[in-house]
Amino acid sequence: MDVRRRNNVVVTGRADGPVVVLAHGFGCDQNMWRLIVPALADHYRVVLFDYVGSGRSDLSAWSEERYAALTGYAQDVVDVLEALDLRRVAFVGHSVSAMIGLLAARAVPERIGSLVMVAPSPCYIDDDTYRGGFSAEDIDELLASLESNYLGWSAQTAPVIMGNPERPELGEELANSFCATDPDIARVFARTTFLSDCREDLKTVTVPTLVLECAHDAIAPRGVGAYVHAEIAGSTLVTLPATGHCPQLSAPQATGAAILHFLKSTQ
């Protein structure tokens, strides 16, 4: 199967520039980056794609067996990089894609030269020594609600994830994105996301890494960003003056500026 068609790959920006790959999170697609792309396109070759099961990807290529683990999504990244024969790219991953990018970088180190983790969380569930922001019971309830009434869950939860209640159009956009995803595919992606634990994987990162956290984030609270930064040797932590879990939409100028500054420092 043609990977470019399967993953709805779009390439824009400066044809001869360094390559930046933008990867979306759960329930989203590449459109979530539309406010960031203009800031990058003058200097970089920008690659966007949709994970299989999301956006305009080829849904016939989706299988529960492959996408019940983050490694299945990481393989999508590897496939895209290999199909375009890209090397030493900067991989920008939002939310769960931060961990997916980490796994892809470990699988094909010659193809990913740096990581930008936007609102990352290596584990969402608290334990005795770690605070991910949710109890195990919280996650069980979230998944049960999602599975019993996905459209209702989307309408209720998206504004909480997005934050910025004074800008309801942002929450509506995220809810619409969630609702555009097939419920059966969303169920699998949600379980894969919220039950993942990549804390030990953080120690394996050897490339320059930027950790972008938001000042107020209901999904990845401040302590999580500090944890990721502490576990990745040599990483940089930046706290954006942003509310919510999607700063590429709620604070695109600050998010784009932070990404650009990091990319220029690593060239």
Protein backbone atom coordinates (compact mmCIF):
# COMPACT_ATOMS: atom_id res chain seq x y z
CA MET A 1 0.00 0.00 0.00
CA ASP A 2 1.18 3.52 -0.79
CA VAL A 3 2.11 5.01 2.59
CA ARG A 4 1.60 8.56 1.38
CA ARG A 5 -2.02 7.80 0.57
CA ARG A 6 -2.54 5.53 3.57
CA ASN A 7 -1.42 8.23 6.02
CA ASN A 8 -2.63 11.23 4.00
CA VAL A 9 0.89 12.66 3.89
CA VAL A 10 1.13 16.37 3.05
CA VAL A 11 4.46 18.12 2.39
CA THR A 12 4.68 21.91 2.37
CA GLY A 13 7.07 24.74 3.15
CA ARG A 14 10.60 25.32 1.90
CA ALA A 15 11.53 22.44 -0.40
CA ASP A 16 15.25 22.61 0.41
CA GLY A 17 14.87 23.32 4.12
CA PRO A 18 15.49 21.08 7.11
CA VAL A 19 12.56 18.74 7.70
CA VAL A 20 10.03 19.07 10.50
CA VAL A 21 7.40 16.35 10.98
CA LEU A 22 4.22 17.31 12.87
CA ALA A 23 2.26 14.52 14.56
CA HIS A 24 -1.21 14.88 16.08
CA GLY A 25 -2.64 13.32 19.24
CA PHE A 26 -5.65 11.19 20.12
CA GLY A 27 -8.92 12.08 18.41
CA CYS A 28 -7.26 14.66 16.16
CA ASP A 29 -5.65 14.94 12.73
CA GLN A 30 -3.06 17.07 10.97
CA ASN A 31 -5.47 20.01 10.75
CA MET A 32 -4.69 20.71 14.40
CA TRP A 33 -1.31 22.12 13.26
CA ARG A 34 -2.70 24.61 10.74
CA LEU A 35 -1.89 27.66 12.91
CA ILE A 36 1.70 26.50 13.46
CA VAL A 37 2.58 25.58 9.88
CA PRO A 38 2.92 29.19 8.59
CA ALA A 39 5.54 29.95 11.25
CA LEU A 40 7.61 26.98 10.12
CA ALA A 41 7.05 26.95 6.37
CA ASP A 42 9.38 29.84 5.49
CA HIS A 43 12.38 28.03 6.92
CA TYR A 44 11.52 24.33 6.96
CA ARG A 45 10.12 21.54 4.85
CA VAL A 46 7.03 20.60 6.84
CA VAL A 47 5.60 17.09 6.74
CA LEU A 48 2.12 16.39 8.07
CA PHE A 49 0.26 13.09 8.21
CA ASP A 50 -2.68 11.33 9.84
CA TYR A 51 -2.26 8.13 11.82
CA VAL A 52 -4.19 5.24 10.31
CA GLY A 53 -7.71 5.55 11.71
CA SER A 54 -7.56 9.34 11.96
CA GLY A 55 -8.42 12.21 9.66
CA ARG A 56 -8.24 11.36 5.97
CA SER A 57 -6.12 8.25 6.39
CA ASP A 58 -7.12 5.01 4.70
CA LEU A 59 -9.39 3.42 7.29
CA SER A 60 -9.18 0.06 5.53
CA ALA A 61 -5.56 -0.17 6.69
CA TRP A 62 -6.55 -0.02 10.37
CA SER A 63 -6.43 -3.12 12.56
CA GLU A 64 -7.05 -3.41 16.27
CA GLU A 65 -4.10 -5.77 16.65
CA ARG A 66 -1.59 -3.24 15.33
CA TYR A 67 -3.02 -0.12 16.95
CA ALA A 68 -3.67 -1.57 20.39
CA ALA A 69 -0.08 -0.58 21.26
CA LEU A 70 1.87 2.65 20.80
CA THR A 71 4.39 0.73 18.73
CA GLY A 72 1.74 0.45 15.99
CA TYR A 73 1.53 4.23 15.75
CA ALA A 74 5.32 4.49 15.94
CA GLN A 75 5.47 2.17 12.95
CA ASP A 76 3.26 4.63 11.05
CA VAL A 77 5.90 7.29 11.75
CA VAL A 78 8.70 5.00 10.62
CA ASP A 79 6.77 4.10 7.47
CA VAL A 80 6.26 7.78 6.57
CA LEU A 81 9.92 8.63 7.17
CA GLU A 82 11.05 5.70 5.06
CA ALA A 83 8.56 6.37 2.27
CA LEU A 84 9.88 9.93 1.95
CA ASP A 85 13.47 8.81 2.65
CA LEU A 86 13.84 11.40 5.41
CA ARG A 87 16.80 11.54 7.78
CA ARG A 88 17.63 13.57 10.89
CA VAL A 89 14.19 15.19 10.99
CA ALA A 90 12.82 17.20 13.87
CA PHE A 91 9.78 15.31 15.13
CA VAL A 92 7.11 17.41 16.85
CA GLY A 93 4.59 15.27 18.69
CA HIS A 94 1.51 16.52 20.50
CA SER A 95 0.25 14.70 23.59
CA VAL A 96 0.53 10.93 23.09
CA SER A 97 2.53 11.56 19.92
CA ALA A 98 5.39 12.79 22.08
CA MET A 99 5.81 9.21 23.32
CA ILE A 100 5.12 7.77 19.87
CA GLY A 101 7.95 9.92 18.51
CA LEU A 102 10.25 8.68 21.25
CA LEU A 103 9.54 5.08 20.24
CA ALA A 104 10.05 5.87 16.56
CA ALA A 105 13.36 7.61 17.27
CA ARG A 106 14.58 4.53 19.08
CA ALA A 107 13.51 2.28 16.20
CA VAL A 108 15.16 4.37 13.45
CA PRO A 109 17.69 6.67 15.14
CA GLU A 110 19.18 7.72 11.81
CA ARG A 111 15.86 9.25 10.74
CA ILE A 112 14.96 11.40 13.79
CA GLY A 113 17.52 13.95 14.94
CA SER A 114 15.52 15.86 17.56
CA LEU A 115 12.23 15.72 19.43
CA VAL A 116 9.71 18.38 20.44
CA MET A 117 7.20 17.07 22.97
CA VAL A 118 4.09 19.26 23.17
CA ALA A 119 2.07 18.64 26.36
CA PRO A 120 3.59 15.17 26.83
CA SER A 121 2.67 12.55 29.40
CA PRO A 122 4.57 9.27 29.72
CA CYS A 123 1.92 7.87 32.08
CA TYR A 124 -1.48 9.26 33.02
CA ILE A 125 -2.02 7.21 36.18
CA ASP A 126 -0.66 8.13 39.61
CA ASP A 127 1.35 5.70 41.69
CA ASP A 128 3.31 5.94 44.93
CA THR A 129 6.15 7.98 43.46
CA TYR A 130 4.62 9.59 40.37
CA ARG A 131 1.72 11.93 39.71
CA GLY A 132 0.29 11.63 36.22
CA GLY A 133 -2.87 13.53 37.08
CA PHE A 134 -5.38 10.64 37.31
CA SER A 135 -6.11 7.73 39.59
CA ALA A 136 -6.61 4.29 38.08
CA GLU A 137 -10.30 4.67 38.91
CA ASP A 138 -10.42 7.99 37.02
CA ILE A 139 -9.04 6.36 33.88
CA ASP A 140 -11.38 3.37 34.19
CA GLU A 141 -14.33 5.75 34.45
CA LEU A 142 -13.12 7.83 31.51
CA LEU A 143 -12.74 4.77 29.29
CA ALA A 144 -16.07 3.30 30.37
CA SER A 145 -17.84 6.57 29.56
CA LEU A 146 -16.10 6.81 26.20
CA GLU A 147 -17.04 3.25 25.27
CA SER A 148 -20.68 3.53 26.34
CA ASN A 149 -21.45 6.86 24.62
CA TYR A 150 -18.59 8.16 22.52
CA LEU A 151 -20.41 11.15 21.05
CA GLY A 152 -21.69 12.25 24.44
CA TRP A 153 -18.24 11.74 25.97
CA SER A 154 -16.70 13.84 23.22
CA ALA A 155 -19.11 16.73 23.72
CA GLN A 156 -18.58 16.70 27.48
CA THR A 157 -14.84 16.05 27.64
CA ALA A 158 -13.40 18.04 24.74
CA PRO A 159 -14.00 21.46 26.37
CA VAL A 160 -12.27 20.21 29.55
CA ILE A 161 -9.26 19.01 27.57
CA MET A 162 -9.11 22.21 25.56
CA GLY A 163 -9.60 24.55 28.51
CA ASN A 164 -10.18 28.23 27.69
CA PRO A 165 -13.91 28.27 28.52
CA GLU A 166 -14.06 31.92 27.47
CA ARG A 167 -13.28 30.69 23.93
CA PRO A 168 -15.92 27.96 23.47
CA GLU A 169 -15.16 27.65 19.76
CA LEU A 170 -11.90 25.87 20.66
CA GLY A 171 -13.69 23.20 22.67
CA GLU A 172 -16.26 22.83 19.89
CA GLU A 173 -13.51 22.27 17.33
CA LEU A 174 -11.92 19.54 19.43
CA ALA A 175 -15.31 17.92 20.05
CA ASN A 176 -16.00 17.93 16.31
CA SER A 177 -12.62 16.33 15.69
CA PHE A 178 -13.35 13.62 18.24
CA CYS A 179 -16.78 13.00 16.73
CA ALA A 180 -15.30 12.64 13.24
CA THR A 181 -13.33 9.60 14.45
CA ASP A 182 -14.91 6.17 14.14
CA PRO A 183 -16.01 5.20 17.68
CA ASP A 184 -14.49 1.71 17.48
CA ILE A 185 -11.14 3.14 16.38
CA ALA A 186 -11.34 5.86 19.04
CA ARG A 187 -12.00 3.25 21.71
CA VAL A 188 -8.80 1.40 20.85
CA PHE A 189 -6.71 4.58 20.52
CA ALA A 190 -8.02 5.85 23.86
CA ARG A 191 -7.10 2.65 25.68
CA THR A 192 -3.71 2.63 23.99
CA THR A 193 -3.15 6.23 25.06
CA PHE A 194 -4.48 6.40 28.60
CA LEU A 195 -3.17 3.01 29.73
CA SER A 196 0.32 3.51 28.30
CA ASP A 197 3.40 3.80 30.52
CA CYS A 198 6.54 5.07 28.80
CA ARG A 199 8.39 6.29 31.88
CA GLU A 200 11.27 3.86 31.46
CA ASP A 201 11.53 4.75 27.78
CA LEU A 202 12.35 8.37 28.61
CA LYS A 203 15.81 7.32 29.77
CA THR A 204 16.60 5.97 26.29
CA VAL A 205 16.30 9.35 24.54
CA THR A 206 19.66 10.51 23.20
CA VAL A 207 18.65 13.30 20.79
CA PRO A 208 18.11 17.00 21.63
CA THR A 209 14.64 17.28 23.13
CA LEU A 210 12.32 20.18 23.91
CA VAL A 211 9.56 19.59 26.45
CA LEU A 212 6.73 22.10 26.02
CA GLU A 213 4.25 22.16 28.88
CA CYS A 214 1.28 24.47 29.43
CA ALA A 215 0.89 26.61 32.52
CA HIS A 216 -2.53 25.02 33.11
CA ASP A 217 -3.34 21.62 31.61
CA ALA A 218 -6.02 19.23 32.90
CA ILE A 219 -4.49 16.26 31.06
CA ALA A 220 -0.76 16.78 31.60
CA PRO A 221 -0.29 18.92 34.73
CA ARG A 222 2.89 20.88 35.42
CA GLY A 223 4.57 18.15 37.44
CA VAL A 224 4.46 15.82 34.44
CA GLY A 225 6.47 18.17 32.25
CA ALA A 226 9.07 18.52 34.99
CA TYR A 227 9.25 14.72 35.29
CA VAL A 228 9.79 14.25 31.54
CA HIS A 229 12.47 16.94 31.56
CA ALA A 230 14.26 15.34 34.52
CA GLU A 231 14.24 11.89 32.93
CA ILE A 232 15.54 12.95 29.50
CA ALA A 233 19.17 13.89 29.84
CA GLY A 234 20.01 17.29 28.38
CA SER A 235 16.41 18.17 27.55
CA THR A 236 15.00 21.69 27.65
CA LEU A 237 11.77 22.50 29.49
CA VAL A 238 9.64 25.49 28.45
CA THR A 239 6.39 26.42 30.18
CA LEU A 240 4.06 28.10 27.72
CA PRO A 241 1.76 30.88 28.93
CA ALA A 242 -1.14 28.76 27.79
CA THR A 243 -4.21 27.07 29.23
CA GLY A 244 -5.43 23.66 28.11
CA HIS A 245 -3.90 20.63 26.44
CA CYS A 246 -3.75 21.96 22.86
CA PRO A 247 -1.50 25.04 22.82
CA GLN A 248 -1.04 24.79 19.05
CA LEU A 249 -4.65 26.00 18.87
CA SER A 250 -5.06 28.07 22.03
CA ALA A 251 -1.64 29.79 21.95
CA PRO A 252 -0.20 29.25 18.46
CA GLN A 253 2.16 32.23 18.47
CA ALA A 254 3.87 31.25 21.72
CA THR A 255 3.95 27.59 20.71
CA GLY A 256 5.35 28.31 17.25
CA ALA A 257 7.97 30.68 18.64
CA ALA A 258 9.18 28.12 21.18
CA ILE A 259 9.43 25.41 18.53
CA LEU A 260 11.28 27.72 16.12
CA HIS A 261 13.75 28.82 18.78
CA PHE A 262 14.56 25.21 19.63
CA LEU A 263 14.88 24.13 16.01
CA LYS A 264 17.27 26.96 15.22
CA SER A 265 19.37 26.12 18.28
CA THR A 266 19.79 22.52 17.17
CA GLN A 267 20.67 23.12 13.51
